[in-house]
């Protein structure tokens, strides 16, 4: 993660993608939308770079496998 990486919250993701809340969570479950990252006990957001990758190519987006 770069030093300029930002975490964005749901409202921003909704505005930037044009998707509904339920569609975002369905796509996360399918692996076709970036997963959230936990930022506090009750808060989560998305890495802005992951959302930008999805916006650039939503049809071919797949969650990256974590490196072992």
PDB file of N, CA and C in Angstrom:
ATOM      1  N   UNK A   1       0.849  -1.175   0.000  1.00  0.00           N
ATOM      2  CA  UNK A   1       0.000   0.000   0.000  1.00  0.00           C
ATOM      3  C   UNK A   1       0.892   1.234   0.000  1.00  0.00           C
ATOM      4  N   UNK A   2       0.636   2.157  -0.901  1.00  0.00           N
ATOM      5  CA  UNK A   2       1.447   3.358  -1.000  1.00  0.00           C
ATOM      6  C   UNK A   2       1.112   4.336   0.127  1.00  0.00           C
ATOM      7  N   UNK A   3       1.977   5.314   0.311  1.00  0.00           N
ATOM      8  CA  UNK A   3       1.762   6.314   1.351  1.00  0.00           C
ATOM      9  C   UNK A   3       0.538   7.178   1.055  1.00  0.00           C
ATOM     10  N   UNK A   4       0.141   7.276  -0.207  1.00  0.00           N
ATOM     11  CA  UNK A   4      -0.989   8.122  -0.575  1.00  0.00           C
ATOM     12  C   UNK A   4      -2.301   7.334  -0.676  1.00  0.00           C
ATOM     13  N   UNK A   5      -2.272   6.059  -0.340  1.00  0.00           N
ATOM     14  CA  UNK A   5      -3.484   5.235  -0.385  1.00  0.00           C
ATOM     15  C   UNK A   5      -4.517   5.792   0.581  1.00  0.00           C
ATOM     16  N   UNK A   6      -5.755   5.927   0.103  1.00  0.00           N
ATOM     17  CA  UNK A   6      -6.847   6.425   0.931  1.00  0.00           C
ATOM     18  C   UNK A   6      -7.868   5.330   1.133  1.00  0.00           C
ATOM     19  N   UNK A   7      -8.544   5.396   2.259  1.00  0.00           N
ATOM     20  CA  UNK A   7      -9.686   4.529   2.530  1.00  0.00           C
ATOM     21  C   UNK A   7     -10.927   5.397   2.346  1.00  0.00           C
ATOM     22  N   UNK A   8     -11.857   4.910   1.530  1.00  0.00           N
ATOM     23  CA  UNK A   8     -13.078   5.674   1.293  1.00  0.00           C
ATOM     24  C   UNK A   8     -14.272   4.906   1.859  1.00  0.00           C
ATOM     25  N   UNK A   9     -15.256   5.646   2.306  1.00  0.00           N
ATOM     26  CA  UNK A   9     -16.420   5.052   2.966  1.00  0.00           C
ATOM     27  C   UNK A   9     -17.525   4.762   1.955  1.00  0.00           C
ATOM     28  N   UNK A  10     -18.576   4.090   2.417  1.00  0.00           N
ATOM     29  CA  UNK A  10     -19.654   3.609   1.567  1.00  0.00           C
ATOM     30  C   UNK A  10     -20.297   4.715   0.732  1.00  0.00           C
ATOM     31  N   UNK A  11     -20.600   5.858   1.324  1.00  0.00           N
ATOM     32  CA  UNK A  11     -21.264   6.933   0.581  1.00  0.00           C
ATOM     33  C   UNK A  11     -20.437   7.341  -0.634  1.00  0.00           C
ATOM     34  N   UNK A  12     -19.139   7.448  -0.471  1.00  0.00           N
ATOM     35  CA  UNK A  12     -18.256   7.813  -1.581  1.00  0.00           C
ATOM     36  C   UNK A  12     -18.234   6.721  -2.642  1.00  0.00           C
ATOM     37  N   UNK A  13     -18.200   5.460  -2.203  1.00  0.00           N
ATOM     38  CA  UNK A  13     -18.211   4.330  -3.141  1.00  0.00           C
ATOM     39  C   UNK A  13     -19.519   4.328  -3.936  1.00  0.00           C
ATOM     40  N   UNK A  14     -20.633   4.553  -3.265  1.00  0.00           N
ATOM     41  CA  UNK A  14     -21.930   4.620  -3.947  1.00  0.00           C
ATOM     42  C   UNK A  14     -21.928   5.731  -4.997  1.00  0.00           C
ATOM     43  N   UNK A  15     -21.434   6.903  -4.631  1.00  0.00           N
ATOM     44  CA  UNK A  15     -21.392   8.041  -5.551  1.00  0.00           C
ATOM     45  C   UNK A  15     -20.485   7.760  -6.747  1.00  0.00           C
ATOM     46  N   UNK A  16     -19.327   7.174  -6.500  1.00  0.00           N
ATOM     47  CA  UNK A  16     -18.347   6.960  -7.576  1.00  0.00           C
ATOM     48  C   UNK A  16     -18.728   5.831  -8.512  1.00  0.00           C
ATOM     49  N   UNK A  17     -19.400   4.798  -8.000  1.00  0.00           N
ATOM     50  CA  UNK A  17     -19.710   3.640  -8.838  1.00  0.00           C
ATOM     51  C   UNK A  17     -21.097   3.707  -9.468  1.00  0.00           C
ATOM     52  N   UNK A  18     -22.015   4.406  -8.834  1.00  0.00           N
ATOM     53  CA  UNK A  18     -23.385   4.443  -9.321  1.00  0.00           C
ATOM     54  C   UNK A  18     -24.179   3.186  -8.977  1.00  0.00           C
ATOM     55  N   UNK A  19     -23.594   2.316  -8.172  1.00  0.00           N
ATOM     56  CA  UNK A  19     -24.270   1.085  -7.763  1.00  0.00           C
ATOM     57  C   UNK A  19     -25.093   1.330  -6.506  1.00  0.00           C
ATOM     58  N   UNK A  20     -26.057   0.452  -6.265  1.00  0.00           N
ATOM     59  CA  UNK A  20     -26.813   0.521  -5.016  1.00  0.00           C
ATOM     60  C   UNK A  20     -26.042  -0.228  -3.934  1.00  0.00           C
ATOM     61  N   UNK A  21     -26.408   0.030  -2.698  1.00  0.00           N
ATOM     62  CA  UNK A  21     -25.779  -0.641  -1.559  1.00  0.00           C
ATOM     63  C   UNK A  21     -25.910  -2.162  -1.676  1.00  0.00           C
ATOM     64  N   UNK A  22     -27.105  -2.644  -1.998  1.00  0.00           N
ATOM     65  CA  UNK A  22     -27.313  -4.090  -2.077  1.00  0.00           C
ATOM     66  C   UNK A  22     -26.508  -4.708  -3.220  1.00  0.00           C
ATOM     67  N   UNK A  23     -26.368  -3.997  -4.331  1.00  0.00           N
ATOM     68  CA  UNK A  23     -25.575  -4.515  -5.449  1.00  0.00           C
ATOM     69  C   UNK A  23     -24.105  -4.613  -5.068  1.00  0.00           C
ATOM     70  N   UNK A  24     -23.606  -3.615  -4.354  1.00  0.00           N
ATOM     71  CA  UNK A  24     -22.200  -3.665  -3.923  1.00  0.00           C
ATOM     72  C   UNK A  24     -21.954  -4.898  -3.061  1.00  0.00           C
ATOM     73  N   UNK A  25     -22.813  -5.133  -2.053  1.00  0.00           N
ATOM     74  CA  UNK A  25     -22.589  -6.279  -1.166  1.00  0.00           C
ATOM     75  C   UNK A  25     -22.794  -7.616  -1.885  1.00  0.00           C
ATOM     76  N   UNK A  26     -23.694  -7.663  -2.856  1.00  0.00           N
ATOM     77  CA  UNK A  26     -23.866  -8.891  -3.649  1.00  0.00           C
ATOM     78  C   UNK A  26     -22.616  -9.157  -4.471  1.00  0.00           C
ATOM     79  N   UNK A  27     -22.071  -8.117  -5.096  1.00  0.00           N
ATOM     80  CA  UNK A  27     -20.865  -8.268  -5.911  1.00  0.00           C
ATOM     81  C   UNK A  27     -19.655  -8.645  -5.053  1.00  0.00           C
ATOM     82  N   UNK A  28     -19.572  -8.131  -3.836  1.00  0.00           N
ATOM     83  CA  UNK A  28     -18.486  -8.529  -2.931  1.00  0.00           C
ATOM     84  C   UNK A  28     -18.582 -10.032  -2.682  1.00  0.00           C
ATOM     85  N   UNK A  29     -19.787 -10.523  -2.410  1.00  0.00           N
ATOM     86  CA  UNK A  29     -19.985 -11.953  -2.149  1.00  0.00           C
ATOM     87  C   UNK A  29     -19.614 -12.798  -3.368  1.00  0.00           C
ATOM     88  N   UNK A  30     -19.847 -12.270  -4.572  1.00  0.00           N
ATOM     89  CA  UNK A  30     -19.513 -12.984  -5.807  1.00  0.00           C
ATOM     90  C   UNK A  30     -18.026 -12.885  -6.149  1.00  0.00           C
ATOM     91  N   UNK A  31     -17.307 -11.966  -5.495  1.00  0.00           N
ATOM     92  CA  UNK A  31     -15.891 -11.759  -5.802  1.00  0.00           C
ATOM     93  C   UNK A  31     -15.665 -10.841  -6.994  1.00  0.00           C
ATOM     94  N   UNK A  32     -16.703 -10.080  -7.384  1.00  0.00           N
ATOM     95  CA  UNK A  32     -16.578  -9.198  -8.542  1.00  0.00           C
ATOM     96  C   UNK A  32     -16.550  -7.718  -8.160  1.00  0.00           C
ATOM     97  N   UNK A  33     -16.304  -7.445  -6.889  1.00  0.00           N
ATOM     98  CA  UNK A  33     -16.172  -6.078  -6.393  1.00  0.00           C
ATOM     99  C   UNK A  33     -15.194  -6.122  -5.235  1.00  0.00           C
ATOM    100  N   UNK A  34     -14.391  -5.075  -5.054  1.00  0.00           N
ATOM    101  CA  UNK A  34     -13.400  -5.077  -3.965  1.00  0.00           C
ATOM    102  C   UNK A  34     -14.035  -5.270  -2.589  1.00  0.00           C
ATOM    103  N   UNK A  35     -13.364  -6.036  -1.756  1.00  0.00           N
ATOM    104  CA  UNK A  35     -13.807  -6.237  -0.376  1.00  0.00           C
ATOM    105  C   UNK A  35     -13.474  -5.028   0.470  1.00  0.00           C
ATOM    106  N   UNK A  36     -14.214  -4.896   1.557  1.00  0.00           N
ATOM    107  CA  UNK A  36     -13.954  -3.829   2.516  1.00  0.00           C
ATOM    108  C   UNK A  36     -12.723  -4.161   3.354  1.00  0.00           C
ATOM    109  N   UNK A  37     -12.125  -3.122   3.924  1.00  0.00           N
ATOM    110  CA  UNK A  37     -11.068  -3.285   4.914  1.00  0.00           C
ATOM    111  C   UNK A  37     -11.570  -2.692   6.218  1.00  0.00           C
ATOM    112  N   UNK A  38     -11.310  -3.377   7.302  1.00  0.00           N
ATOM    113  CA  UNK A  38     -11.752  -2.922   8.620  1.00  0.00           C
ATOM    114  C   UNK A  38     -10.862  -1.764   9.062  1.00  0.00           C
ATOM    115  N   UNK A  39     -11.488  -0.657   9.482  1.00  0.00           N
ATOM    116  CA  UNK A  39     -10.708   0.497   9.925  1.00  0.00           C
ATOM    117  C   UNK A  39     -10.925   0.821  11.398  1.00  0.00           C
ATOM    118  N   UNK A  40     -11.923   0.201  12.001  1.00  0.00           N
ATOM    119  CA  UNK A  40     -12.161   0.338  13.433  1.00  0.00           C
ATOM    120  C   UNK A  40     -13.092  -0.792  13.859  1.00  0.00           C
ATOM    121  N   UNK A  41     -13.460  -0.819  15.119  1.00  0.00           N
ATOM    122  CA  UNK A  41     -14.334  -1.877  15.621  1.00  0.00           C
ATOM    123  C   UNK A  41     -15.651  -1.916  14.848  1.00  0.00           C
ATOM    124  N   UNK A  42     -16.212  -0.746  14.583  1.00  0.00           N
ATOM    125  CA  UNK A  42     -17.516  -0.686  13.910  1.00  0.00           C
ATOM    126  C   UNK A  42     -17.457  -0.031  12.536  1.00  0.00           C
ATOM    127  N   UNK A  43     -16.261   0.184  12.009  1.00  0.00           N
ATOM    128  CA  UNK A  43     -16.150   0.886  10.731  1.00  0.00           C
ATOM    129  C   UNK A  43     -15.346   0.112   9.706  1.00  0.00           C
ATOM    130  N   UNK A  44     -15.710   0.301   8.460  1.00  0.00           N
ATOM    131  CA  UNK A  44     -14.989  -0.316   7.356  1.00  0.00           C
ATOM    132  C   UNK A  44     -15.058   0.619   6.162  1.00  0.00           C
ATOM    133  N   UNK A  45     -14.146   0.421   5.249  1.00  0.00           N
ATOM    134  CA  UNK A  45     -14.123   1.223   4.028  1.00  0.00           C
ATOM    135  C   UNK A  45     -13.449   0.423   2.934  1.00  0.00           C
ATOM    136  N   UNK A  46     -13.189   1.075   1.839  1.00  0.00           N
ATOM    137  CA  UNK A  46     -12.543   0.431   0.701  1.00  0.00           C
ATOM    138  C   UNK A  46     -11.268   1.169   0.363  1.00  0.00           C
ATOM    139  N   UNK A  47     -10.278   0.436  -0.133  1.00  0.00           N
ATOM    140  CA  UNK A  47      -9.070   1.073  -0.654  1.00  0.00           C
ATOM    141  C   UNK A  47      -9.452   1.794  -1.943  1.00  0.00           C
ATOM    142  N   UNK A  48      -9.097   3.060  -2.031  1.00  0.00           N
ATOM    143  CA  UNK A  48      -9.452   3.844  -3.204  1.00  0.00           C
ATOM    144  C   UNK A  48      -8.864   3.239  -4.476  1.00  0.00           C
ATOM    145  N   UNK A  49      -7.662   2.700  -4.399  1.00  0.00           N
ATOM    146  CA  UNK A  49      -7.035   2.099  -5.578  1.00  0.00           C
ATOM    147  C   UNK A  49      -7.835   0.901  -6.086  1.00  0.00           C
ATOM    148  N   UNK A  50      -8.407   0.111  -5.179  1.00  0.00           N
ATOM    149  CA  UNK A  50      -9.214  -1.038  -5.588  1.00  0.00           C
ATOM    150  C   UNK A  50     -10.496  -0.583  -6.279  1.00  0.00           C
ATOM    151  N   UNK A  51     -11.119   0.470  -5.766  1.00  0.00           N
ATOM    152  CA  UNK A  51     -12.326   1.008  -6.391  1.00  0.00           C
ATOM    153  C   UNK A  51     -11.979   1.573  -7.766  1.00  0.00           C
ATOM    154  N   UNK A  52     -10.833   2.245  -7.876  1.00  0.00           N
ATOM    155  CA  UNK A  52     -10.414   2.784  -9.174  1.00  0.00           C
ATOM    156  C   UNK A  52     -10.178   1.668 -10.187  1.00  0.00           C
ATOM    157  N   UNK A  53      -9.594   0.537  -9.744  1.00  0.00           N
ATOM    158  CA  UNK A  53      -9.394  -0.606 -10.652  1.00  0.00           C
ATOM    159  C   UNK A  53     -10.741  -1.149 -11.114  1.00  0.00           C
ATOM    160  N   UNK A  54     -11.715  -1.231 -10.195  1.00  0.00           N
ATOM    161  CA  UNK A  54     -13.042  -1.725 -10.565  1.00  0.00           C
ATOM    162  C   UNK A  54     -13.694  -0.770 -11.568  1.00  0.00           C
ATOM    163  N   UNK A  55     -13.617   0.529 -11.321  1.00  0.00           N
ATOM    164  CA  UNK A  55     -14.224   1.520 -12.213  1.00  0.00           C
ATOM    165  C   UNK A  55     -13.600   1.430 -13.611  1.00  0.00           C
ATOM    166  N   UNK A  56     -12.300   1.187 -13.673  1.00  0.00           N
ATOM    167  CA  UNK A  56     -11.611   1.103 -14.963  1.00  0.00           C
ATOM    168  C   UNK A  56     -12.070  -0.091 -15.792  1.00  0.00           C
ATOM    169  N   UNK A  57     -12.453  -1.189 -15.143  1.00  0.00           N
ATOM    170  CA  UNK A  57     -12.851  -2.394 -15.879  1.00  0.00           C
ATOM    171  C   UNK A  57     -13.796  -3.255 -15.034  1.00  0.00           C
ATOM    172  N   UNK A  58     -15.045  -2.807 -14.853  1.00  0.00           N
ATOM    173  CA  UNK A  58     -15.957  -3.538 -13.962  1.00  0.00           C
ATOM    174  C   UNK A  58     -16.314  -4.940 -14.449  1.00  0.00           C
ATOM    175  N   UNK A  59     -16.374  -5.160 -15.747  1.00  0.00           N
ATOM    176  CA  UNK A  59     -16.785  -6.473 -16.270  1.00  0.00           C
ATOM    177  C   UNK A  59     -15.741  -7.554 -15.999  1.00  0.00           C
ATOM    178  N   UNK A  60     -14.475  -7.182 -15.986  1.00  0.00           N
ATOM    179  CA  UNK A  60     -13.409  -8.176 -15.808  1.00  0.00           C
ATOM    180  C   UNK A  60     -12.777  -8.138 -14.423  1.00  0.00           C
ATOM    181  N   UNK A  61     -13.308  -7.331 -13.503  1.00  0.00           N
ATOM    182  CA  UNK A  61     -12.704  -7.233 -12.171  1.00  0.00           C
ATOM    183  C   UNK A  61     -12.873  -8.538 -11.408  1.00  0.00           C
ATOM    184  N   UNK A  62     -11.806  -8.991 -10.803  1.00  0.00           N
ATOM    185  CA  UNK A  62     -11.829 -10.131  -9.875  1.00  0.00           C
ATOM    186  C   UNK A  62     -10.956  -9.758  -8.697  1.00  0.00           C
ATOM    187  N   UNK A  63     -11.380 -10.142  -7.506  1.00  0.00           N
ATOM    188  CA  UNK A  63     -10.623  -9.884  -6.288  1.00  0.00           C
ATOM    189  C   UNK A  63      -9.254 -10.545  -6.418  1.00  0.00           C
ATOM    190  N   UNK A  64      -8.197  -9.803  -6.100  1.00  0.00           N
ATOM    191  CA  UNK A  64      -6.847 -10.362  -6.163  1.00  0.00           C
ATOM    192  C   UNK A  64      -6.647 -11.358  -5.054  1.00  0.00           C
ATOM    193  N   UNK A  65      -5.965 -12.445  -5.366  1.00  0.00           N
ATOM    194  CA  UNK A  65      -5.646 -13.449  -4.358  1.00  0.00           C
ATOM    195  C   UNK A  65      -4.531 -12.938  -3.466  1.00  0.00           C
ATOM    196  N   UNK A  66      -4.621 -13.105  -2.152  1.00  0.00           N
ATOM    197  CA  UNK A  66      -3.531 -12.656  -1.272  1.00  0.00           C
ATOM    198  C   UNK A  66      -2.260 -13.469  -1.521  1.00  0.00           C
ATOM    199  N   UNK A  67      -1.115 -12.800  -1.474  1.00  0.00           N
ATOM    200  CA  UNK A  67       0.163 -13.473  -1.658  1.00  0.00           C
ATOM    201  C   UNK A  67       0.469 -14.353  -0.451  1.00  0.00           C
ATOM    202  N   UNK A  68       1.033 -15.508  -0.697  1.00  0.00           N
ATOM    203  CA  UNK A  68       1.345 -16.424   0.410  1.00  0.00           C
ATOM    204  C   UNK A  68       2.771 -16.285   0.825  1.00  0.00           C
TER     205      UNK A  68
END
